[in-house]
Amino acid sequence: MRFVEDAFRVIRDHSEFLVAYSGGKDSLSIMDLVIQSKPHKVEAFFMYFVPGLACVEERLEWARKRWGIVIHQYPHWAFSKAVAYDVFRLPSPISKTFGEWGLLDVYAWARKGSGIQTIVHGAKKSDSQWRRRSMAAGHNSDGVIYPIAEWSKFQVLAYLRGRNIPIPHSSAGNATGIDLTQPSLLWLYDNHPEDFRKVCEYFPFAEAEIWRRKFYGKETH
């Protein structure tokens, strides 16, 4: 397949890789492509929104067993913003002093923790206009590469099926990340109620989305 060879051409320019792993279909494809290239060293990092969610840990453990890799974990940058701006929680003194961090901060932590500088990301130009603009801004110069940038969603699905990699069950069918959006919270509540309760320990008013659905129906946004 031509699109697979194009991805390998990007990967073969490097010998050590730090994979941005979410457990979603794009990062599964990237991880498998990198492993197939037989690199000198490969590790991964995962950004969690709330630590210790069973549905997340299951996906990470699956990846460890399939590819035999180390997966570092760091708090998601969106978590810091949710706490700092009291999303789904009462204002508190902690919020006033809680520091925010961004994606580049997480990249720096992951590089320091792994000792690997080249980050491999599963972003695609077809994901969104915002993603296309972000990738066009020259992030390759920052040591981030995008081997499947030109792939479509259907090429990703074809690759996973060809490699016998299960497509993950997730909210909205295309992302496994947990956050405070309505689709994510409803999916978590319906499929992993214990994990939903863990999220509510940090963001107790997240339950409002469940009541909103009960009163007004499933899709309200």
Protein backbone atom coordinates (compact mmCIF):
# COMPACT_ATOMS: atom_id res chain seq x y z
CA MET A 1 0.00 0.00 0.00
CA ARG A 2 1.48 3.30 -1.12
CA PHE A 3 0.26 5.32 1.87
CA VAL A 4 2.00 2.90 4.25
CA GLU A 5 5.28 3.24 2.38
CA ASP A 6 4.97 7.03 2.56
CA ALA A 7 4.65 6.79 6.34
CA PHE A 8 7.68 4.52 6.59
CA ARG A 9 9.75 7.04 4.64
CA VAL A 10 9.15 9.62 7.37
CA ILE A 11 9.90 7.15 10.16
CA ARG A 12 13.12 5.78 8.65
CA ASP A 13 14.84 9.13 9.04
CA HIS A 14 15.07 8.48 12.80
CA SER A 15 16.25 5.69 15.09
CA GLU A 16 14.66 6.63 18.44
CA PHE A 17 11.00 7.44 18.94
CA LEU A 18 8.74 8.76 21.66
CA VAL A 19 5.18 7.94 20.59
CA ALA A 20 2.31 10.22 21.64
CA TYR A 21 -0.09 7.42 22.57
CA SER A 22 -3.77 7.91 23.34
CA GLY A 23 -5.10 4.44 22.63
CA GLY A 24 -7.14 5.79 19.73
CA LYS A 25 -7.01 4.40 16.23
CA ASP A 26 -4.47 6.94 14.94
CA SER A 27 -2.00 6.35 17.76
CA LEU A 28 -2.46 2.58 17.40
CA SER A 29 -1.45 2.89 13.75
CA ILE A 30 1.55 5.05 14.60
CA MET A 31 2.74 2.72 17.33
CA ASP A 32 2.56 -0.30 15.05
CA LEU A 33 4.33 1.49 12.20
CA VAL A 34 7.16 2.59 14.49
CA ILE A 35 7.61 -0.90 15.95
CA GLN A 36 7.71 -2.41 12.45
CA SER A 37 10.56 -0.07 11.52
CA LYS A 38 12.72 -1.86 14.15
CA PRO A 39 14.03 1.29 15.84
CA HIS A 40 17.00 1.45 18.17
CA LYS A 41 14.73 2.67 20.97
CA VAL A 42 11.00 3.37 21.30
CA GLU A 43 8.87 4.42 24.26
CA ALA A 44 5.49 6.12 24.57
CA PHE A 45 3.73 8.67 26.71
CA PHE A 46 0.08 9.06 27.60
CA MET A 47 -1.75 12.15 28.88
CA TYR A 48 -4.43 11.27 31.45
CA PHE A 49 -7.29 13.56 32.37
CA VAL A 50 -8.02 11.81 35.66
CA PRO A 51 -5.52 9.24 36.97
CA GLY A 52 -6.31 5.58 37.47
CA LEU A 53 -9.37 5.12 35.23
CA ALA A 54 -9.83 1.40 34.60
CA CYS A 55 -10.98 1.85 30.99
CA VAL A 56 -7.78 3.76 30.26
CA GLU A 57 -5.46 1.39 32.11
CA GLU A 58 -6.88 -1.56 30.15
CA ARG A 59 -5.92 0.09 26.86
CA LEU A 60 -2.43 0.92 28.12
CA GLU A 61 -1.88 -2.62 29.36
CA TRP A 62 -3.03 -4.00 26.00
CA ALA A 63 -0.38 -1.87 24.26
CA ARG A 64 2.34 -2.95 26.70
CA LYS A 65 1.58 -6.60 26.03
CA ARG A 66 1.31 -6.27 22.25
CA TRP A 67 4.44 -4.20 21.69
CA GLY A 68 6.46 -4.64 24.88
CA ILE A 69 6.89 -0.91 25.39
CA VAL A 70 7.27 1.48 28.30
CA ILE A 71 4.42 4.01 28.55
CA HIS A 72 5.07 7.12 30.63
CA GLN A 73 2.03 8.94 32.01
CA TYR A 74 1.58 12.68 32.53
CA PRO A 75 -1.43 14.85 33.44
CA HIS A 76 -3.23 16.29 30.45
CA TRP A 77 -2.88 20.02 29.82
CA ALA A 78 -6.69 20.28 29.65
CA PHE A 79 -6.90 19.05 33.25
CA SER A 80 -4.91 22.05 34.46
CA LYS A 81 -7.25 24.45 32.67
CA ALA A 82 -10.37 22.70 34.00
CA VAL A 83 -9.12 23.05 37.57
CA ALA A 84 -7.83 26.59 37.13
CA TYR A 85 -11.19 27.78 35.73
CA ASP A 86 -13.38 25.70 38.10
CA VAL A 87 -15.12 23.69 35.38
CA PHE A 88 -17.81 21.45 36.91
CA ARG A 89 -16.56 22.33 40.41
CA LEU A 90 -16.98 25.03 43.04
CA PRO A 91 -14.39 27.81 43.19
CA SER A 92 -11.67 27.07 45.72
CA PRO A 93 -8.38 28.52 46.95
CA ILE A 94 -6.59 25.73 45.09
CA SER A 95 -7.99 27.02 41.79
CA LYS A 96 -6.46 30.45 42.41
CA THR A 97 -2.95 29.02 42.80
CA PHE A 98 -3.20 26.03 40.46
CA GLY A 99 -0.67 26.42 37.70
CA GLU A 100 -1.60 25.82 34.06
CA TRP A 101 0.57 23.94 31.60
CA GLY A 102 0.36 23.31 27.88
CA LEU A 103 1.12 20.59 25.37
CA LEU A 104 4.72 21.73 24.94
CA ASP A 105 5.23 21.36 28.70
CA VAL A 106 4.04 17.75 28.51
CA TYR A 107 6.38 17.17 25.57
CA ALA A 108 9.26 18.50 27.67
CA TRP A 109 8.40 16.22 30.60
CA ALA A 110 8.10 13.20 28.30
CA ARG A 111 11.43 13.93 26.60
CA LYS A 112 13.16 14.30 29.93
CA GLY A 113 11.56 11.13 31.33
CA SER A 114 12.43 8.98 28.32
CA GLY A 115 15.64 10.57 27.10
CA ILE A 116 14.19 10.55 23.56
CA GLN A 117 13.83 13.77 21.58
CA THR A 118 11.83 12.74 18.48
CA ILE A 119 8.09 12.67 19.20
CA VAL A 120 5.86 10.74 16.80
CA HIS A 121 2.29 12.00 16.59
CA GLY A 122 -0.71 10.43 14.86
CA ALA A 123 -2.26 13.71 13.75
CA LYS A 124 -3.76 13.84 10.25
CA LYS A 125 -4.51 16.84 8.06
CA SER A 126 -7.99 15.44 7.50
CA ASP A 127 -8.82 15.61 11.22
CA SER A 128 -9.89 19.27 11.17
CA GLN A 129 -9.00 22.70 9.83
CA TRP A 130 -7.42 23.54 13.19
CA ARG A 131 -5.22 20.44 13.02
CA ARG A 132 -4.20 21.25 9.45
CA ARG A 133 -3.18 24.80 10.43
CA SER A 134 -1.30 23.54 13.47
CA MET A 135 0.68 21.03 11.43
CA ALA A 136 1.43 23.65 8.76
CA ALA A 137 2.99 25.92 11.40
CA GLY A 138 6.26 24.01 11.23
CA HIS A 139 6.12 21.74 14.26
CA ASN A 140 8.50 19.33 12.54
CA SER A 141 11.25 21.76 13.42
CA ASP A 142 10.35 21.22 17.08
CA GLY A 143 11.21 17.52 16.84
CA VAL A 144 7.63 16.32 16.25
CA ILE A 145 6.93 14.18 13.17
CA TYR A 146 3.60 13.17 11.64
CA PRO A 147 4.04 10.01 9.55
CA ILE A 148 0.33 9.57 8.76
CA ALA A 149 -0.39 13.26 8.14
CA GLU A 150 -1.73 12.54 4.63
CA TRP A 151 -3.84 9.51 5.61
CA SER A 152 -7.62 9.49 5.68
CA LYS A 153 -9.72 7.89 8.41
CA PHE A 154 -10.49 5.00 6.06
CA GLN A 155 -6.81 4.34 5.42
CA VAL A 156 -6.23 4.19 9.18
CA LEU A 157 -9.08 1.70 9.56
CA ALA A 158 -7.75 -0.37 6.66
CA TYR A 159 -4.30 -0.46 8.19
CA LEU A 160 -5.62 -1.57 11.59
CA ARG A 161 -7.72 -4.33 10.04
CA GLY A 162 -4.75 -5.50 7.97
CA ARG A 163 -2.61 -5.72 11.11
CA ASN A 164 -5.35 -7.38 13.22
CA ILE A 165 -5.46 -4.48 15.66
CA PRO A 166 -8.92 -4.06 17.26
CA ILE A 167 -10.57 -0.69 16.76
CA PRO A 168 -11.17 0.76 20.24
CA HIS A 169 -14.64 1.26 21.65
CA SER A 170 -14.94 4.92 22.57
CA SER A 171 -17.10 8.02 22.75
CA ALA A 172 -18.11 9.42 19.35
CA GLY A 173 -16.41 6.39 17.77
CA ASN A 174 -13.15 8.17 17.03
CA ALA A 175 -11.34 9.08 20.25
CA THR A 176 -10.49 7.33 23.47
CA GLY A 177 -9.46 10.39 25.44
CA ILE A 178 -11.50 11.18 28.55
CA ASP A 179 -12.45 14.82 29.11
CA LEU A 180 -15.38 16.96 30.26
CA THR A 181 -17.20 17.18 26.94
CA GLN A 182 -20.76 15.88 26.82
CA PRO A 183 -20.06 12.86 24.54
CA SER A 184 -17.13 11.76 26.69
CA LEU A 185 -19.00 12.05 29.99
CA LEU A 186 -22.12 10.27 28.69
CA TRP A 187 -20.03 7.48 27.18
CA LEU A 188 -18.13 7.04 30.42
CA TYR A 189 -21.31 7.03 32.51
CA ASP A 190 -22.99 4.44 30.24
CA ASN A 191 -20.01 2.11 29.79
CA HIS A 192 -17.74 2.61 32.81
CA PRO A 193 -19.79 3.92 35.75
CA GLU A 194 -17.00 3.37 38.29
CA ASP A 195 -14.65 5.50 36.21
CA PHE A 196 -17.35 8.15 35.88
CA ARG A 197 -17.53 8.33 39.66
CA LYS A 198 -13.76 8.84 39.78
CA VAL A 199 -14.09 11.78 37.40
CA CYS A 200 -16.79 13.23 39.66
CA GLU A 201 -14.36 13.13 42.60
CA TYR A 202 -12.39 15.84 40.80
CA PHE A 203 -15.29 17.50 38.98
CA PRO A 204 -18.44 16.81 41.04
CA PHE A 205 -20.79 18.83 38.83
CA ALA A 206 -19.95 16.72 35.77
CA GLU A 207 -23.07 14.78 36.73
CA ALA A 208 -25.06 17.74 35.37
CA GLU A 209 -24.57 16.30 31.87
CA ILE A 210 -26.29 13.08 32.96
CA TRP A 211 -29.25 14.98 34.37
CA ARG A 212 -29.38 17.17 31.27
CA ARG A 213 -29.82 14.05 29.16
CA LYS A 214 -32.50 12.69 31.48
CA PHE A 215 -34.47 15.93 31.24
CA TYR A 216 -33.91 16.99 27.63
CA GLY A 217 -32.61 13.99 25.68
CA LYS A 218 -29.23 12.60 24.71
CA GLU A 219 -27.91 15.31 22.36
CA THR A 220 -28.16 18.82 23.75
CA HIS A 221 -25.07 20.56 22.27
